[in-house]
Every structure is written in structure tokens, then in C-alpha cells.
Amino acid sequence: MARTSTIKLGRSSNPSMSTEDLNKLVAKKAYELYEKRGRKSGHSTDDWLEAERIIKGKYGCK
């Protein structure tokens, strides 16, 4: 059975979130950024890193 790691959250009512859950939120936000940019390819890494920054900031991830 695979072990799921957790991320400690600072401002959430849930004290921790699995890495998998965090990645799902980041992926969703990255796709939103891609759509906002007009679905132009070639910026997936930038979208992912920006989404990570936004999500981690929103949930106060350490």
C-alpha cells in the first residue's frame, strides 16, 4: 500500500492536505491560467509554477 504524504497548512481549518490533493488543486489552477491566456501552448511550466505559488499562498502551505 502506497503511503500518502501530507502538506502542513497554515490558514486552513484542515491542518494538513495530502500531496495528491494539493497537486489536484494546482493542476486545476494551472489549467485555468492556460484558458485565461487563450489556450496558447508553450507555457505549461510557467502556468504550473504560478498555480503552485497561488495555491500554496492561499492555503498557507509550508
C-alpha atoms as a PDB file:
ATOM      1  CA  MET A   1       0.000   0.000   0.000  1.00  0.00           C
ATOM      2  CA  ALA A   2       1.421   3.382  -1.017  1.00  0.00           C
ATOM      3  CA  ARG A   3       1.968   5.950   1.664  1.00  0.00           C
ATOM      4  CA  THR A   4       0.467   9.365   1.034  1.00  0.00           C
ATOM      5  CA  SER A   5       2.471  12.332   2.245  1.00  0.00           C
ATOM      6  CA  THR A   6       0.808  15.392   3.694  1.00  0.00           C
ATOM      7  CA  ILE A   7       1.456  19.099   3.486  1.00  0.00           C
ATOM      8  CA  LYS A   8       1.066  21.205   6.624  1.00  0.00           C
ATOM      9  CA  LEU A   9      -1.315  24.091   6.133  1.00  0.00           C
ATOM     10  CA  GLY A  10      -1.214  27.353   7.994  1.00  0.00           C
ATOM     11  CA  ARG A  11      -4.595  29.021   7.484  1.00  0.00           C
ATOM     12  CA  SER A  12      -6.912  26.152   6.706  1.00  0.00           C
ATOM     13  CA  SER A  13      -9.443  24.545   9.004  1.00  0.00           C
ATOM     14  CA  ASN A  14      -7.945  21.241   7.818  1.00  0.00           C
ATOM     15  CA  PRO A  15      -4.478  21.048   9.433  1.00  0.00           C
ATOM     16  CA  SER A  16      -2.982  19.013   6.591  1.00  0.00           C
ATOM     17  CA  MET A  17      -3.613  18.106   2.984  1.00  0.00           C
ATOM     18  CA  SER A  18      -2.232  15.202   1.014  1.00  0.00           C
ATOM     19  CA  THR A  19       0.313  15.933  -1.686  1.00  0.00           C
ATOM     20  CA  GLU A  20      -2.116  14.370  -4.149  1.00  0.00           C
ATOM     21  CA  ASP A  21      -4.886  16.789  -3.132  1.00  0.00           C
ATOM     22  CA  LEU A  22      -2.508  19.741  -3.374  1.00  0.00           C
ATOM     23  CA  ASN A  23      -1.391  18.656  -6.849  1.00  0.00           C
ATOM     24  CA  LYS A  24      -5.017  18.383  -7.983  1.00  0.00           C
ATOM     25  CA  LEU A  25      -5.668  21.966  -6.873  1.00  0.00           C
ATOM     26  CA  VAL A  26      -2.505  23.173  -8.600  1.00  0.00           C
ATOM     27  CA  ALA A  27      -3.405  21.320 -11.805  1.00  0.00           C
ATOM     28  CA  LYS A  28      -6.871  22.872 -11.819  1.00  0.00           C
ATOM     29  CA  LYS A  29      -5.457  26.367 -11.288  1.00  0.00           C
ATOM     30  CA  ALA A  30      -2.768  25.813 -13.964  1.00  0.00           C
ATOM     31  CA  TYR A  31      -5.486  24.852 -16.442  1.00  0.00           C
ATOM     32  CA  GLU A  32      -7.451  27.973 -15.522  1.00  0.00           C
ATOM     33  CA  LEU A  33      -4.352  30.074 -16.230  1.00  0.00           C
ATOM     34  CA  TYR A  34      -3.905  28.275 -19.574  1.00  0.00           C
ATOM     35  CA  GLU A  35      -7.509  29.022 -20.517  1.00  0.00           C
ATOM     36  CA  LYS A  36      -7.215  32.637 -19.400  1.00  0.00           C
ATOM     37  CA  ARG A  37      -4.211  33.038 -21.711  1.00  0.00           C
ATOM     38  CA  GLY A  38      -6.321  31.872 -24.659  1.00  0.00           C
ATOM     39  CA  ARG A  39      -5.229  28.212 -24.633  1.00  0.00           C
ATOM     40  CA  LYS A  40      -1.882  29.055 -26.228  1.00  0.00           C
ATOM     41  CA  SER A  41       0.628  26.258 -25.762  1.00  0.00           C
ATOM     42  CA  GLY A  42       4.255  26.605 -24.704  1.00  0.00           C
ATOM     43  CA  HIS A  43       3.746  27.959 -21.189  1.00  0.00           C
ATOM     44  CA  SER A  44       2.839  24.858 -19.189  1.00  0.00           C
ATOM     45  CA  THR A  45       5.796  25.154 -16.800  1.00  0.00           C
ATOM     46  CA  ASP A  46       5.085  28.830 -16.180  1.00  0.00           C
ATOM     47  CA  ASP A  47       1.398  28.050 -15.596  1.00  0.00           C
ATOM     48  CA  TRP A  48       2.250  25.235 -13.174  1.00  0.00           C
ATOM     49  CA  LEU A  49       4.710  27.326 -11.162  1.00  0.00           C
ATOM     50  CA  GLU A  50       2.309  30.274 -10.980  1.00  0.00           C
ATOM     51  CA  ALA A  51      -0.542  27.962  -9.960  1.00  0.00           C
ATOM     52  CA  GLU A  52       1.664  26.424  -7.265  1.00  0.00           C
ATOM     53  CA  ARG A  53       2.510  29.868  -5.918  1.00  0.00           C
ATOM     54  CA  ILE A  54      -1.169  30.866  -5.864  1.00  0.00           C
ATOM     55  CA  ILE A  55      -2.430  27.662  -4.221  1.00  0.00           C
ATOM     56  CA  LYS A  56       0.355  27.458  -1.642  1.00  0.00           C
ATOM     57  CA  GLY A  57      -0.210  31.110  -0.784  1.00  0.00           C
ATOM     58  CA  LYS A  58      -3.965  30.604  -0.493  1.00  0.00           C
ATOM     59  CA  TYR A  59      -3.645  27.632   1.841  1.00  0.00           C
ATOM     60  CA  GLY A  60      -0.531  28.810   3.688  1.00  0.00           C
ATOM     61  CA  CYS A  61       1.484  25.701   2.819  1.00  0.00           C
ATOM     62  CA  LYS A  62       4.840  25.384   4.471  1.00  0.00           C
END
